[in-house]
Amino acid sequence: MNVYKLNICGLERELPIVSIGPLLKIASFNLLGDGELVKKVAESLAEKIKDLDFDYLVGPEVKVVPLMQELSNLLKKPRYIILRKNIMGYMTHPISSKTKPGMVLNGPDAELIKGKKVLIVDDVVSTGKTIKVVDDLMKEVNARVVGVVAVLKQGEEKVEITISFYSLGKLPLFGT
């Protein structure tokens, strides 16, 4: 198996290179289950954003959840908001994004962040589509996005993020 050696926050990880299309491969970055990596990147990201004024962390499920938990603890933000990919049975008054990829915000969470400042958290930003969907959904519920934080930026393509963007490094794209 081909791997990409990632050095980040004093740690080395071998990321499998996987095909995501006929002409494109990526180094697959996954925080799930890697507590050591989550802790180190959260500490580094927290240091970068410690002076940023925001009320809540907001991010898409699933891979970013352990990072949000750790950032929440480090930054003393007792609550964070997870956007789901589908409406779940426990949700009351869910609000679905109008743009793709689809995301859903639970109604009580929407009320909680209404009029508040939020920071979008993601693991890897490639095209910026996910960030755009989250930003649009935040506007819909009257929350103000003050920045985006991600562990890594993937590829050289310019991502249209018009707010502050913080990351720890880059991942290359691979042709076939």
Protein backbone atom coordinates (compact mmCIF):
# COMPACT_ATOMS: atom_id res chain seq x y z
CA MET A 1 0.00 0.00 0.00
CA ASN A 2 1.26 3.46 -0.89
CA VAL A 3 1.44 5.85 2.05
CA TYR A 4 2.14 9.52 2.64
CA LYS A 5 4.29 10.31 5.67
CA LEU A 6 2.73 13.19 7.57
CA ASN A 7 4.72 14.99 10.25
CA ILE A 8 2.49 17.12 12.40
CA CYS A 9 2.86 18.48 15.94
CA GLY A 10 5.93 16.34 16.54
CA LEU A 11 4.15 13.15 15.48
CA GLU A 12 4.56 11.07 12.35
CA ARG A 13 1.67 9.23 10.75
CA GLU A 14 1.54 7.10 7.62
CA LEU A 15 -1.59 8.02 5.70
CA PRO A 16 -2.87 5.55 3.11
CA ILE A 17 -3.10 7.00 -0.38
CA VAL A 18 -6.58 6.26 -1.68
CA SER A 19 -8.30 6.83 -5.00
CA ILE A 20 -11.29 9.18 -4.96
CA GLY A 21 -11.74 9.32 -8.71
CA PRO A 22 -10.26 8.04 -11.93
CA LEU A 23 -7.51 10.68 -11.95
CA LEU A 24 -7.18 11.68 -8.31
CA LYS A 25 -5.79 10.18 -5.13
CA ILE A 26 -5.52 11.65 -1.66
CA ALA A 27 -3.69 10.89 1.56
CA SER A 28 -6.52 9.76 3.85
CA PHE A 29 -6.34 11.65 7.15
CA ASN A 30 -8.46 10.30 10.01
CA LEU A 31 -8.50 11.49 13.62
CA LEU A 32 -10.92 8.83 14.84
CA GLY A 33 -9.32 6.51 17.37
CA ASP A 34 -5.99 8.37 17.48
CA GLY A 35 -6.17 10.05 20.89
CA GLU A 36 -2.50 11.07 20.84
CA LEU A 37 -2.89 12.88 17.53
CA VAL A 38 -6.19 14.51 18.56
CA LYS A 39 -4.59 15.84 21.75
CA LYS A 40 -1.52 17.26 19.97
CA VAL A 41 -3.38 18.93 17.11
CA ALA A 42 -6.01 20.31 19.49
CA GLU A 43 -3.28 21.86 21.64
CA SER A 44 -1.65 23.45 18.58
CA LEU A 45 -4.93 24.71 17.14
CA ALA A 46 -6.06 26.04 20.53
CA GLU A 47 -2.86 28.05 20.74
CA LYS A 48 -3.56 29.57 17.29
CA ILE A 49 -7.14 30.56 18.13
CA LYS A 50 -6.93 31.28 21.86
CA ASP A 51 -7.50 35.02 21.36
CA LEU A 52 -10.36 34.63 18.90
CA ASP A 53 -13.68 35.84 20.31
CA PHE A 54 -16.39 33.21 19.78
CA ASP A 55 -19.15 31.49 21.73
CA TYR A 56 -19.43 28.02 20.16
CA LEU A 57 -17.50 25.54 18.06
CA VAL A 58 -19.55 24.16 15.15
CA GLY A 59 -18.59 21.29 12.86
CA PRO A 60 -19.77 18.43 10.67
CA GLU A 61 -20.06 14.88 11.93
CA VAL A 62 -18.12 12.43 12.38
CA LYS A 63 -14.35 12.60 12.06
CA VAL A 64 -14.04 16.06 13.63
CA VAL A 65 -15.98 15.19 16.82
CA PRO A 66 -12.99 14.12 18.96
CA LEU A 67 -11.14 17.28 17.93
CA MET A 68 -14.10 19.44 18.90
CA GLN A 69 -14.33 17.70 22.27
CA GLU A 70 -10.65 18.34 22.98
CA LEU A 71 -10.81 21.96 21.75
CA SER A 72 -13.91 22.50 23.85
CA ASN A 73 -12.03 21.40 26.96
CA LEU A 74 -8.86 23.35 26.18
CA LEU A 75 -10.69 26.57 25.32
CA LYS A 76 -13.17 26.24 28.19
CA LYS A 77 -16.15 26.21 25.87
CA PRO A 78 -18.50 23.77 27.62
CA ARG A 79 -20.70 23.13 24.61
CA TYR A 80 -20.13 22.54 20.89
CA ILE A 81 -22.53 21.91 18.02
CA ILE A 82 -22.40 18.95 15.63
CA LEU A 83 -24.11 19.15 12.25
CA ARG A 84 -25.47 15.81 11.10
CA LYS A 85 -25.67 14.46 7.55
CA ASN A 86 -29.28 13.35 7.98
CA ILE A 87 -32.26 14.13 10.17
CA MET A 88 -32.05 11.92 13.25
CA GLY A 89 -34.97 10.61 15.32
CA TYR A 90 -33.93 12.57 18.41
CA MET A 91 -34.05 15.92 16.59
CA THR A 92 -36.79 18.44 17.22
CA HIS A 93 -37.45 21.09 14.59
CA PRO A 94 -34.35 20.20 12.50
CA ILE A 95 -33.06 22.74 10.02
CA SER A 96 -31.59 21.34 6.81
CA SER A 97 -29.06 23.11 4.62
CA LYS A 98 -30.30 24.27 1.25
CA THR A 99 -26.95 23.59 -0.39
CA LYS A 100 -24.98 20.37 -0.86
CA PRO A 101 -23.46 18.46 0.83
CA GLY A 102 -26.57 18.32 2.99
CA MET A 103 -26.26 19.05 6.71
CA VAL A 104 -28.80 19.22 9.47
CA LEU A 105 -28.85 21.33 12.62
CA ASN A 106 -31.04 20.30 15.53
CA GLY A 107 -33.64 22.96 16.38
CA PRO A 108 -32.55 23.46 20.01
CA ASP A 109 -28.94 23.90 18.83
CA ALA A 110 -30.12 26.52 16.34
CA GLU A 111 -31.80 28.42 19.18
CA LEU A 112 -28.65 28.14 21.29
CA ILE A 113 -26.40 29.72 18.65
CA LYS A 114 -28.87 32.33 17.39
CA GLY A 115 -27.15 35.71 17.61
CA LYS A 116 -23.90 34.10 18.76
CA LYS A 117 -20.39 33.99 17.29
CA VAL A 118 -19.30 30.57 16.07
CA LEU A 119 -16.05 29.01 14.90
CA ILE A 120 -16.27 26.29 12.24
CA VAL A 121 -14.05 23.28 12.92
CA ASP A 122 -13.09 20.65 10.33
CA ASP A 123 -10.37 18.05 9.96
CA VAL A 124 -9.37 18.66 6.34
CA VAL A 125 -10.44 21.46 3.99
CA SER A 126 -10.12 20.58 0.30
CA THR A 127 -12.57 22.49 -1.88
CA GLY A 128 -14.25 24.51 0.86
CA LYS A 129 -17.73 23.15 -0.02
CA THR A 130 -18.38 21.84 3.49
CA ILE A 131 -17.32 25.15 5.01
CA LYS A 132 -19.63 27.01 2.62
CA VAL A 133 -22.58 24.78 3.58
CA VAL A 134 -21.91 25.27 7.30
CA ASP A 135 -21.50 29.03 6.80
CA ASP A 136 -24.79 29.24 4.86
CA LEU A 137 -26.59 27.24 7.54
CA MET A 138 -25.18 29.50 10.26
CA LYS A 139 -26.44 32.57 8.38
CA GLU A 140 -29.86 30.93 8.10
CA VAL A 141 -30.08 30.58 11.90
CA ASN A 142 -28.57 34.04 12.55
CA ALA A 143 -25.25 32.86 13.96
CA ARG A 144 -22.12 34.75 12.90
CA VAL A 145 -19.12 32.75 11.72
CA VAL A 146 -15.92 34.43 12.93
CA GLY A 147 -13.43 31.92 11.55
CA VAL A 148 -12.59 28.45 10.32
CA VAL A 149 -10.08 26.12 11.91
CA ALA A 150 -8.92 22.87 10.31
CA VAL A 151 -6.08 20.49 10.97
CA LEU A 152 -5.02 20.46 7.32
CA LYS A 153 -5.63 22.12 3.97
CA GLN A 154 -5.57 19.61 1.11
CA GLY A 155 -4.34 20.50 -2.37
CA GLU A 156 -3.21 23.78 -3.85
CA GLU A 157 -6.62 24.89 -5.08
CA LYS A 158 -7.58 28.26 -3.66
CA VAL A 159 -10.46 27.83 -1.26
CA GLU A 160 -12.96 30.67 -1.12
CA ILE A 161 -13.06 31.32 2.60
CA THR A 162 -13.68 34.98 3.25
CA ILE A 163 -13.19 34.76 7.01
CA SER A 164 -10.12 33.97 9.12
CA PHE A 165 -8.71 30.51 8.35
CA TYR A 166 -6.35 28.65 10.67
CA SER A 167 -4.66 25.32 9.98
CA LEU A 168 -1.54 23.36 10.91
CA GLY A 169 -0.33 22.29 7.49
CA LYS A 170 -1.04 20.99 4.01
CA LEU A 171 -1.70 17.67 2.35
CA PRO A 172 -0.85 17.09 -1.30
CA LEU A 173 -3.12 15.66 -3.96
CA PHE A 174 -1.84 12.78 -6.10
CA GLY A 175 -2.55 12.08 -9.78
CA THR A 176 -2.85 8.54 -11.11
